[in-house]
């Protein structure tokens, strides 16, 4: 399973391994989320995300958290993170969440 993207400026197809780490992580997050939506008919099954945003820049992370917030209306989302950036951004956006620090 290989993912590539089309460079709109050049029209060329670019393999994922030639992209930044954040872009690659974003592509694979989108693929995993789409697969979960297709395979998990039962929307009550929670979605577990384990440190999948470590390489995201702040704008990419903000967009991902907005997306996850909208998806959380259908299913529980459990997000594990090694940093506090996600919680900071969710507070700034007014996204309701329960934080547990270990």
PDB file of N, CA and C in Angstrom:
ATOM      1  N   UNK A   1       0.841  -1.166   0.000  1.00  0.00           N
ATOM      2  CA  UNK A   1       0.000   0.000   0.000  1.00  0.00           C
ATOM      3  C   UNK A   1       0.890   1.235   0.000  1.00  0.00           C
ATOM      4  N   UNK A   2       0.930   1.925  -1.116  1.00  0.00           N
ATOM      5  CA  UNK A   2       1.757   3.125  -1.232  1.00  0.00           C
ATOM      6  C   UNK A   2       0.874   4.329  -1.481  1.00  0.00           C
ATOM      7  N   UNK A   3       1.207   5.405  -0.810  1.00  0.00           N
ATOM      8  CA  UNK A   3       0.463   6.643  -0.982  1.00  0.00           C
ATOM      9  C   UNK A   3       1.352   7.644  -1.706  1.00  0.00           C
ATOM     10  N   UNK A   4       0.759   8.341  -2.637  1.00  0.00           N
ATOM     11  CA  UNK A   4       1.462   9.423  -3.322  1.00  0.00           C
ATOM     12  C   UNK A   4       0.479  10.575  -3.477  1.00  0.00           C
ATOM     13  N   UNK A   5       1.024  11.737  -3.756  1.00  0.00           N
ATOM     14  CA  UNK A   5       0.190  12.922  -3.937  1.00  0.00           C
ATOM     15  C   UNK A   5       0.554  13.596  -5.254  1.00  0.00           C
ATOM     16  N   UNK A   6      -0.379  14.331  -5.761  1.00  0.00           N
ATOM     17  CA  UNK A   6      -0.127  15.069  -6.993  1.00  0.00           C
ATOM     18  C   UNK A   6       0.284  16.493  -6.632  1.00  0.00           C
ATOM     19  N   UNK A   7       1.431  16.913  -7.118  1.00  0.00           N
ATOM     20  CA  UNK A   7       1.914  18.274  -6.923  1.00  0.00           C
ATOM     21  C   UNK A   7       1.158  19.161  -7.910  1.00  0.00           C
ATOM     22  N   UNK A   8       0.285  20.009  -7.398  1.00  0.00           N
ATOM     23  CA  UNK A   8      -0.552  20.850  -8.255  1.00  0.00           C
ATOM     24  C   UNK A   8       0.280  21.817  -9.093  1.00  0.00           C
ATOM     25  N   UNK A   9       1.434  22.235  -8.571  1.00  0.00           N
ATOM     26  CA  UNK A   9       2.262  23.199  -9.300  1.00  0.00           C
ATOM     27  C   UNK A   9       2.914  22.580 -10.536  1.00  0.00           C
ATOM     28  N   UNK A  10       3.357  21.318 -10.389  1.00  0.00           N
ATOM     29  CA  UNK A  10       4.084  20.682 -11.493  1.00  0.00           C
ATOM     30  C   UNK A  10       3.257  19.621 -12.215  1.00  0.00           C
ATOM     31  N   UNK A  11       2.195  19.136 -11.564  1.00  0.00           N
ATOM     32  CA  UNK A  11       1.399  18.068 -12.144  1.00  0.00           C
ATOM     33  C   UNK A  11       2.013  16.693 -11.952  1.00  0.00           C
ATOM     34  N   UNK A  12       3.160  16.623 -11.271  1.00  0.00           N
ATOM     35  CA  UNK A  12       3.841  15.348 -11.057  1.00  0.00           C
ATOM     36  C   UNK A  12       3.293  14.635  -9.819  1.00  0.00           C
ATOM     37  N   UNK A  13       3.365  13.313  -9.866  1.00  0.00           N
ATOM     38  CA  UNK A  13       3.003  12.497  -8.714  1.00  0.00           C
ATOM     39  C   UNK A  13       4.231  12.347  -7.838  1.00  0.00           C
ATOM     40  N   UNK A  14       4.066  12.636  -6.553  1.00  0.00           N
ATOM     41  CA  UNK A  14       5.178  12.606  -5.606  1.00  0.00           C
ATOM     42  C   UNK A  14       4.935  11.487  -4.594  1.00  0.00           C
ATOM     43  N   UNK A  15       5.875  10.538  -4.473  1.00  0.00           N
ATOM     44  CA  UNK A  15       5.725   9.480  -3.464  1.00  0.00           C
ATOM     45  C   UNK A  15       5.772  10.064  -2.052  1.00  0.00           C
ATOM     46  N   UNK A  16       5.049   9.456  -1.143  1.00  0.00           N
ATOM     47  CA  UNK A  16       4.975   9.946   0.233  1.00  0.00           C
ATOM     48  C   UNK A  16       6.346  10.060   0.887  1.00  0.00           C
ATOM     49  N   UNK A  17       7.276   9.168   0.541  1.00  0.00           N
ATOM     50  CA  UNK A  17       8.589   9.217   1.187  1.00  0.00           C
ATOM     51  C   UNK A  17       9.424  10.432   0.773  1.00  0.00           C
ATOM     52  N   UNK A  18       8.934  11.225  -0.166  1.00  0.00           N
ATOM     53  CA  UNK A  18       9.629  12.454  -0.555  1.00  0.00           C
ATOM     54  C   UNK A  18       9.021  13.695   0.115  1.00  0.00           C
ATOM     55  N   UNK A  19       8.022  13.495   0.953  1.00  0.00           N
ATOM     56  CA  UNK A  19       7.351  14.603   1.633  1.00  0.00           C
ATOM     57  C   UNK A  19       7.908  14.788   3.039  1.00  0.00           C
ATOM     58  N   UNK A  20       7.542  15.890   3.674  1.00  0.00           N
ATOM     59  CA  UNK A  20       7.964  16.131   5.056  1.00  0.00           C
ATOM     60  C   UNK A  20       7.307  15.103   5.975  1.00  0.00           C
ATOM     61  N   UNK A  21       7.889  14.934   7.151  1.00  0.00           N
ATOM     62  CA  UNK A  21       7.333  13.991   8.120  1.00  0.00           C
ATOM     63  C   UNK A  21       5.904  14.324   8.495  1.00  0.00           C
ATOM     64  N   UNK A  22       5.605  15.619   8.666  1.00  0.00           N
ATOM     65  CA  UNK A  22       4.243  16.036   9.001  1.00  0.00           C
ATOM     66  C   UNK A  22       3.261  15.725   7.897  1.00  0.00           C
ATOM     67  N   UNK A  23       3.681  15.941   6.646  1.00  0.00           N
ATOM     68  CA  UNK A  23       2.804  15.653   5.505  1.00  0.00           C
ATOM     69  C   UNK A  23       2.542  14.158   5.392  1.00  0.00           C
ATOM     70  N   UNK A  24       3.564  13.355   5.608  1.00  0.00           N
ATOM     71  CA  UNK A  24       3.407  11.896   5.554  1.00  0.00           C
ATOM     72  C   UNK A  24       2.461  11.437   6.657  1.00  0.00           C
ATOM     73  N   UNK A  25       2.669  11.941   7.871  1.00  0.00           N
ATOM     74  CA  UNK A  25       1.789  11.571   8.976  1.00  0.00           C
ATOM     75  C   UNK A  25       0.347  11.974   8.694  1.00  0.00           C
ATOM     76  N   UNK A  26       0.160  13.132   8.064  1.00  0.00           N
ATOM     77  CA  UNK A  26      -1.181  13.592   7.728  1.00  0.00           C
ATOM     78  C   UNK A  26      -1.839  12.675   6.702  1.00  0.00           C
ATOM     79  N   UNK A  27      -1.077  12.252   5.708  1.00  0.00           N
ATOM     80  CA  UNK A  27      -1.616  11.332   4.703  1.00  0.00           C
ATOM     81  C   UNK A  27      -2.037  10.008   5.330  1.00  0.00           C
ATOM     82  N   UNK A  28      -1.193   9.460   6.172  1.00  0.00           N
ATOM     83  CA  UNK A  28      -1.509   8.173   6.787  1.00  0.00           C
ATOM     84  C   UNK A  28      -2.644   8.299   7.805  1.00  0.00           C
ATOM     85  N   UNK A  29      -2.735   9.435   8.496  1.00  0.00           N
ATOM     86  CA  UNK A  29      -3.876   9.653   9.388  1.00  0.00           C
ATOM     87  C   UNK A  29      -5.168   9.649   8.584  1.00  0.00           C
ATOM     88  N   UNK A  30      -5.176  10.361   7.478  1.00  0.00           N
ATOM     89  CA  UNK A  30      -6.373  10.414   6.627  1.00  0.00           C
ATOM     90  C   UNK A  30      -6.739   9.026   6.121  1.00  0.00           C
ATOM     91  N   UNK A  31      -5.752   8.254   5.725  1.00  0.00           N
ATOM     92  CA  UNK A  31      -6.011   6.897   5.222  1.00  0.00           C
ATOM     93  C   UNK A  31      -6.559   6.004   6.331  1.00  0.00           C
ATOM     94  N   UNK A  32      -5.977   6.074   7.529  1.00  0.00           N
ATOM     95  CA  UNK A  32      -6.448   5.255   8.649  1.00  0.00           C
ATOM     96  C   UNK A  32      -7.861   5.662   9.067  1.00  0.00           C
ATOM     97  N   UNK A  33      -8.111   6.965   9.106  1.00  0.00           N
ATOM     98  CA  UNK A  33      -9.431   7.429   9.518  1.00  0.00           C
ATOM     99  C   UNK A  33     -10.488   6.995   8.506  1.00  0.00           C
ATOM    100  N   UNK A  34     -10.176   7.109   7.233  1.00  0.00           N
ATOM    101  CA  UNK A  34     -11.113   6.685   6.189  1.00  0.00           C
ATOM    102  C   UNK A  34     -11.376   5.185   6.276  1.00  0.00           C
ATOM    103  N   UNK A  35     -10.328   4.410   6.518  1.00  0.00           N
ATOM    104  CA  UNK A  35     -10.487   2.961   6.649  1.00  0.00           C
ATOM    105  C   UNK A  35     -11.374   2.628   7.848  1.00  0.00           C
ATOM    106  N   UNK A  36     -11.171   3.325   8.962  1.00  0.00           N
ATOM    107  CA  UNK A  36     -11.994   3.086  10.152  1.00  0.00           C
ATOM    108  C   UNK A  36     -13.457   3.407   9.868  1.00  0.00           C
ATOM    109  N   UNK A  37     -13.698   4.501   9.166  1.00  0.00           N
ATOM    110  CA  UNK A  37     -15.078   4.877   8.833  1.00  0.00           C
ATOM    111  C   UNK A  37     -15.743   3.823   7.940  1.00  0.00           C
ATOM    112  N   UNK A  38     -14.985   3.259   7.016  1.00  0.00           N
ATOM    113  CA  UNK A  38     -15.538   2.263   6.100  1.00  0.00           C
ATOM    114  C   UNK A  38     -15.745   0.911   6.770  1.00  0.00           C
ATOM    115  N   UNK A  39     -14.801   0.519   7.617  1.00  0.00           N
ATOM    116  CA  UNK A  39     -14.848  -0.823   8.200  1.00  0.00           C
ATOM    117  C   UNK A  39     -15.690  -0.903   9.471  1.00  0.00           C
ATOM    118  N   UNK A  40     -15.732   0.167  10.243  1.00  0.00           N
ATOM    119  CA  UNK A  40     -16.447   0.130  11.515  1.00  0.00           C
ATOM    120  C   UNK A  40     -17.854   0.669  11.342  1.00  0.00           C
ATOM    121  N   UNK A  41     -18.755  -0.221  11.010  1.00  0.00           N
ATOM    122  CA  UNK A  41     -20.149   0.157  10.812  1.00  0.00           C
ATOM    123  C   UNK A  41     -20.752   0.632  12.128  1.00  0.00           C
ATOM    124  N   UNK A  42     -20.351  -0.013  13.218  1.00  0.00           N
ATOM    125  CA  UNK A  42     -20.827   0.351  14.548  1.00  0.00           C
ATOM    126  C   UNK A  42     -20.080   1.606  15.008  1.00  0.00           C
ATOM    127  N   UNK A  43     -20.740   2.747  14.952  1.00  0.00           N
ATOM    128  CA  UNK A  43     -20.099   4.022  15.289  1.00  0.00           C
ATOM    129  C   UNK A  43     -19.866   4.192  16.787  1.00  0.00           C
ATOM    130  N   UNK A  44     -20.308   3.228  17.592  1.00  0.00           N
ATOM    131  CA  UNK A  44     -20.059   3.332  19.025  1.00  0.00           C
ATOM    132  C   UNK A  44     -18.657   2.842  19.398  1.00  0.00           C
ATOM    133  N   UNK A  45     -17.947   2.247  18.456  1.00  0.00           N
ATOM    134  CA  UNK A  45     -16.578   1.792  18.715  1.00  0.00           C
ATOM    135  C   UNK A  45     -15.680   3.020  18.816  1.00  0.00           C
ATOM    136  N   UNK A  46     -14.950   3.172  19.926  1.00  0.00           N
ATOM    137  CA  UNK A  46     -14.103   4.366  20.057  1.00  0.00           C
ATOM    138  C   UNK A  46     -12.910   4.327  19.093  1.00  0.00           C
ATOM    139  N   UNK A  47     -12.416   5.506  18.789  1.00  0.00           N
ATOM    140  CA  UNK A  47     -11.233   5.648  17.942  1.00  0.00           C
ATOM    141  C   UNK A  47     -10.062   6.028  18.838  1.00  0.00           C
ATOM    142  N   UNK A  48      -9.000   5.228  18.820  1.00  0.00           N
ATOM    143  CA  UNK A  48      -7.811   5.485  19.621  1.00  0.00           C
ATOM    144  C   UNK A  48      -6.718   6.075  18.731  1.00  0.00           C
ATOM    145  N   UNK A  49      -6.181   7.213  19.141  1.00  0.00           N
ATOM    146  CA  UNK A  49      -5.100   7.875  18.414  1.00  0.00           C
ATOM    147  C   UNK A  49      -3.915   8.004  19.364  1.00  0.00           C
ATOM    148  N   UNK A  50      -2.808   7.392  19.009  1.00  0.00           N
ATOM    149  CA  UNK A  50      -1.637   7.368  19.889  1.00  0.00           C
ATOM    150  C   UNK A  50      -0.506   8.176  19.283  1.00  0.00           C
ATOM    151  N   UNK A  51      -0.328   9.393  19.778  1.00  0.00           N
ATOM    152  CA  UNK A  51       0.781  10.272  19.379  1.00  0.00           C
ATOM    153  C   UNK A  51       0.933  10.402  17.868  1.00  0.00           C
ATOM    154  N   UNK A  52      -0.182  10.500  17.168  1.00  0.00           N
ATOM    155  CA  UNK A  52      -0.098  10.540  15.704  1.00  0.00           C
ATOM    156  C   UNK A  52       0.129  11.941  15.153  1.00  0.00           C
ATOM    157  N   UNK A  53       0.247  12.956  16.024  1.00  0.00           N
ATOM    158  CA  UNK A  53       0.424  14.327  15.543  1.00  0.00           C
ATOM    159  C   UNK A  53       1.767  14.942  15.927  1.00  0.00           C
ATOM    160  N   UNK A  54       2.712  14.140  16.340  1.00  0.00           N
ATOM    161  CA  UNK A  54       3.993  14.644  16.838  1.00  0.00           C
ATOM    162  C   UNK A  54       4.733  15.490  15.799  1.00  0.00           C
ATOM    163  N   UNK A  55       4.655  15.122  14.534  1.00  0.00           N
ATOM    164  CA  UNK A  55       5.392  15.849  13.508  1.00  0.00           C
ATOM    165  C   UNK A  55       4.578  16.966  12.841  1.00  0.00           C
ATOM    166  N   UNK A  56       3.346  17.185  13.309  1.00  0.00           N
ATOM    167  CA  UNK A  56       2.493  18.227  12.713  1.00  0.00           C
ATOM    168  C   UNK A  56       2.958  19.613  13.149  1.00  0.00           C
ATOM    169  N   UNK A  57       2.910  20.570  12.220  1.00  0.00           N
ATOM    170  CA  UNK A  57       3.103  21.962  12.612  1.00  0.00           C
ATOM    171  C   UNK A  57       1.795  22.439  13.254  1.00  0.00           C
ATOM    172  N   UNK A  58       1.800  23.642  13.812  1.00  0.00           N
ATOM    173  CA  UNK A  58       0.630  24.094  14.575  1.00  0.00           C
ATOM    174  C   UNK A  58      -0.626  24.222  13.710  1.00  0.00           C
ATOM    175  N   UNK A  59      -0.500  24.709  12.486  1.00  0.00           N
ATOM    176  CA  UNK A  59      -1.667  24.855  11.620  1.00  0.00           C
ATOM    177  C   UNK A  59      -2.255  23.495  11.240  1.00  0.00           C
ATOM    178  N   UNK A  60      -1.380  22.558  10.902  1.00  0.00           N
ATOM    179  CA  UNK A  60      -1.830  21.210  10.543  1.00  0.00           C
ATOM    180  C   UNK A  60      -2.502  20.554  11.754  1.00  0.00           C
ATOM    181  N   UNK A  61      -1.928  20.740  12.940  1.00  0.00           N
ATOM    182  CA  UNK A  61      -2.497  20.173  14.162  1.00  0.00           C
ATOM    183  C   UNK A  61      -3.860  20.794  14.469  1.00  0.00           C
ATOM    184  N   UNK A  62      -3.962  22.103  14.324  1.00  0.00           N
ATOM    185  CA  UNK A  62      -5.235  22.785  14.559  1.00  0.00           C
ATOM    186  C   UNK A  62      -6.322  22.234  13.636  1.00  0.00           C
ATOM    187  N   UNK A  63      -6.002  22.081  12.372  1.00  0.00           N
ATOM    188  CA  UNK A  63      -6.977  21.537  11.416  1.00  0.00           C
ATOM    189  C   UNK A  63      -7.366  20.108  11.766  1.00  0.00           C
ATOM    190  N   UNK A  64      -6.396  19.295  12.171  1.00  0.00           N
ATOM    191  CA  UNK A  64      -6.680  17.905  12.535  1.00  0.00           C
ATOM    192  C   UNK A  64      -7.589  17.841  13.764  1.00  0.00           C
ATOM    193  N   UNK A  65      -7.325  18.691  14.744  1.00  0.00           N
ATOM    194  CA  UNK A  65      -8.141  18.679  15.957  1.00  0.00           C
ATOM    195  C   UNK A  65      -9.561  19.163  15.683  1.00  0.00           C
ATOM    196  N   UNK A  66      -9.724  20.126  14.799  1.00  0.00           N
ATOM    197  CA  UNK A  66     -11.068  20.552  14.399  1.00  0.00           C
ATOM    198  C   UNK A  66     -11.806  19.386  13.733  1.00  0.00           C
ATOM    199  N   UNK A  67     -11.107  18.668  12.862  1.00  0.00           N
ATOM    200  CA  UNK A  67     -11.701  17.521  12.189  1.00  0.00           C
ATOM    201  C   UNK A  67     -12.104  16.446  13.196  1.00  0.00           C
ATOM    202  N   UNK A  68     -11.210  16.130  14.113  1.00  0.00           N
ATOM    203  CA  UNK A  68     -11.491  15.105  15.121  1.00  0.00           C
ATOM    204  C   UNK A  68     -12.661  15.533  15.998  1.00  0.00           C
ATOM    205  N   UNK A  69     -12.730  16.807  16.326  1.00  0.00           N
ATOM    206  CA  UNK A  69     -13.833  17.315  17.131  1.00  0.00           C
ATOM    207  C   UNK A  69     -15.173  17.080  16.434  1.00  0.00           C
ATOM    208  N   UNK A  70     -15.212  17.297  15.132  1.00  0.00           N
ATOM    209  CA  UNK A  70     -16.459  17.051  14.401  1.00  0.00           C
ATOM    210  C   UNK A  70     -16.776  15.560  14.332  1.00  0.00           C
ATOM    211  N   UNK A  71     -15.752  14.731  14.225  1.00  0.00           N
ATOM    212  CA  UNK A  71     -15.949  13.278  14.188  1.00  0.00           C
ATOM    213  C   UNK A  71     -16.370  12.739  15.550  1.00  0.00           C
ATOM    214  N   UNK A  72     -16.003  13.445  16.615  1.00  0.00           N
ATOM    215  CA  UNK A  72     -16.314  12.985  17.969  1.00  0.00           C
ATOM    216  C   UNK A  72     -17.812  13.034  18.260  1.00  0.00           C
ATOM    217  N   UNK A  73     -18.582  13.694  17.404  1.00  0.00           N
ATOM    218  CA  UNK A  73     -20.032  13.678  17.568  1.00  0.00           C
ATOM    219  C   UNK A  73     -20.626  12.314  17.266  1.00  0.00           C
ATOM    220  N   UNK A  74     -19.889  11.501  16.490  1.00  0.00           N
ATOM    221  CA  UNK A  74     -20.368  10.170  16.105  1.00  0.00           C
ATOM    222  C   UNK A  74     -19.777   9.064  16.965  1.00  0.00           C
ATOM    223  N   UNK A  75     -18.567   9.258  17.439  1.00  0.00           N
ATOM    224  CA  UNK A  75     -17.896   8.210  18.208  1.00  0.00           C
ATOM    225  C   UNK A  75     -16.931   8.854  19.208  1.00  0.00           C
ATOM    226  N   UNK A  76     -16.620   8.123  20.251  1.00  0.00           N
ATOM    227  CA  UNK A  76     -15.648   8.596  21.230  1.00  0.00           C
ATOM    228  C   UNK A  76     -14.261   8.555  20.613  1.00  0.00           C
ATOM    229  N   UNK A  77     -13.477   9.601  20.848  1.00  0.00           N
ATOM    230  CA  UNK A  77     -12.101   9.662  20.366  1.00  0.00           C
ATOM    231  C   UNK A  77     -11.198   9.762  21.580  1.00  0.00           C
ATOM    232  N   UNK A  78     -10.248   8.844  21.673  1.00  0.00           N
ATOM    233  CA  UNK A  78      -9.287   8.832  22.767  1.00  0.00           C
ATOM    234  C   UNK A  78      -7.928   9.145  22.163  1.00  0.00           C
ATOM    235  N   UNK A  79      -7.368  10.276  22.592  1.00  0.00           N
ATOM    236  CA  UNK A  79      -6.122  10.779  22.019  1.00  0.00           C
ATOM    237  C   UNK A  79      -5.026  10.728  23.073  1.00  0.00           C
ATOM    238  N   UNK A  80      -3.990   9.960  22.795  1.00  0.00           N
ATOM    239  CA  UNK A  80      -2.814   9.910  23.654  1.00  0.00           C
ATOM    240  C   UNK A  80      -1.765  10.835  23.056  1.00  0.00           C
ATOM    241  N   UNK A  81      -1.086  11.599  23.923  1.00  0.00           N
ATOM    242  CA  UNK A  81      -0.055  12.495  23.430  1.00  0.00           C
ATOM    243  C   UNK A  81       1.056  12.641  24.463  1.00  0.00           C
ATOM    244  N   UNK A  82       2.266  12.823  23.969  1.00  0.00           N
ATOM    245  CA  UNK A  82       3.422  13.008  24.849  1.00  0.00           C
ATOM    246  C   UNK A  82       3.665  14.491  25.131  1.00  0.00           C
ATOM    247  N   UNK A  83       2.803  15.360  24.611  1.00  0.00           N
ATOM    248  CA  UNK A  83       2.985  16.801  24.794  1.00  0.00           C
ATOM    249  C   UNK A  83       1.647  17.448  25.143  1.00  0.00           C
ATOM    250  N   UNK A  84       1.693  18.714  25.528  1.00  0.00           N
ATOM    251  CA  UNK A  84       0.469  19.414  25.933  1.00  0.00           C
ATOM    252  C   UNK A  84      -0.084  20.320  24.834  1.00  0.00           C
ATOM    253  N   UNK A  85       0.533  20.334  23.675  1.00  0.00           N
ATOM    254  CA  UNK A  85       0.114  21.214  22.588  1.00  0.00           C
ATOM    255  C   UNK A  85      -1.327  20.951  22.163  1.00  0.00           C
ATOM    256  N   UNK A  86      -1.698  19.687  22.050  1.00  0.00           N
ATOM    257  CA  UNK A  86      -3.059  19.340  21.639  1.00  0.00           C
ATOM    258  C   UNK A  86      -4.082  19.935  22.606  1.00  0.00           C
ATOM    259  N   UNK A  87      -3.856  19.785  23.910  1.00  0.00           N
ATOM    260  CA  UNK A  87      -4.789  20.314  24.913  1.00  0.00           C
ATOM    261  C   UNK A  87      -4.848  21.836  24.830  1.00  0.00           C
ATOM    262  N   UNK A  88      -3.719  22.478  24.647  1.00  0.00           N
ATOM    263  CA  UNK A  88      -3.673  23.940  24.532  1.00  0.00           C
ATOM    264  C   UNK A  88      -4.521  24.415  23.354  1.00  0.00           C
ATOM    265  N   UNK A  89      -4.348  23.788  22.214  1.00  0.00           N
ATOM    266  CA  UNK A  89      -5.095  24.185  21.017  1.00  0.00           C
ATOM    267  C   UNK A  89      -6.586  23.896  21.186  1.00  0.00           C
ATOM    268  N   UNK A  90      -6.930  22.749  21.771  1.00  0.00           N
ATOM    269  CA  UNK A  90      -8.345  22.436  21.976  1.00  0.00           C
ATOM    270  C   UNK A  90      -8.994  23.445  22.922  1.00  0.00           C
ATOM    271  N   UNK A  91      -8.263  23.884  23.941  1.00  0.00           N
ATOM    272  CA  UNK A  91      -8.806  24.921  24.830  1.00  0.00           C
ATOM    273  C   UNK A  91      -9.032  26.219  24.061  1.00  0.00           C
ATOM    274  N   UNK A  92      -8.052  26.599  23.249  1.00  0.00           N
ATOM    275  CA  UNK A  92      -8.164  27.833  22.460  1.00  0.00           C
ATOM    276  C   UNK A  92      -9.347  27.778  21.496  1.00  0.00           C
ATOM    277  N   UNK A  93      -9.621  26.597  20.943  1.00  0.00           N
ATOM    278  CA  UNK A  93     -10.719  26.423  19.989  1.00  0.00           C
ATOM    279  C   UNK A  93     -12.068  26.210  20.676  1.00  0.00           C
ATOM    280  N   UNK A  94     -12.051  26.028  21.985  1.00  0.00           N
ATOM    281  CA  UNK A  94     -13.291  25.777  22.708  1.00  0.00           C
ATOM    282  C   UNK A  94     -13.818  24.367  22.522  1.00  0.00           C
ATOM    283  N   UNK A  95     -12.934  23.438  22.188  1.00  0.00           N
ATOM    284  CA  UNK A  95     -13.315  22.038  22.014  1.00  0.00           C
ATOM    285  C   UNK A  95     -13.392  21.395  23.402  1.00  0.00           C
ATOM    286  N   UNK A  96     -14.515  20.777  23.701  1.00  0.00           N
ATOM    287  CA  UNK A  96     -14.680  20.098  24.980  1.00  0.00           C
ATOM    288  C   UNK A  96     -13.911  18.781  24.960  1.00  0.00           C
ATOM    289  N   UNK A  97     -13.176  18.534  26.038  1.00  0.00           N
ATOM    290  CA  UNK A  97     -12.427  17.292  26.159  1.00  0.00           C
ATOM    291  C   UNK A  97     -12.141  17.019  27.625  1.00  0.00           C
ATOM    292  N   UNK A  98     -11.845  15.788  27.909  1.00  0.00           N
ATOM    293  CA  UNK A  98     -11.458  15.374  29.258  1.00  0.00           C
ATOM    294  C   UNK A  98      -9.976  15.058  29.215  1.00  0.00           C
ATOM    295  N   UNK A  99      -9.198  15.715  30.055  1.00  0.00           N
ATOM    296  CA  UNK A  99      -7.747  15.514  30.074  1.00  0.00           C
ATOM    297  C   UNK A  99      -7.347  14.680  31.281  1.00  0.00           C
ATOM    298  N   UNK A 100      -6.568  13.650  31.034  1.00  0.00           N
ATOM    299  CA  UNK A 100      -6.026  12.809  32.093  1.00  0.00           C
ATOM    300  C   UNK A 100      -4.518  12.794  31.934  1.00  0.00           C
ATOM    301  N   UNK A 101      -3.803  13.263  32.935  1.00  0.00           N
ATOM    302  CA  UNK A 101      -2.336  13.277  32.889  1.00  0.00           C
ATOM    303  C   UNK A 101      -1.797  12.099  33.673  1.00  0.00           C
ATOM    304  N   UNK A 102      -0.865  11.399  33.058  1.00  0.00           N
ATOM    305  CA  UNK A 102      -0.252  10.254  33.750  1.00  0.00           C
ATOM    306  C   UNK A 102       1.142  10.602  34.210  1.00  0.00           C
TER     307      UNK A 102
END
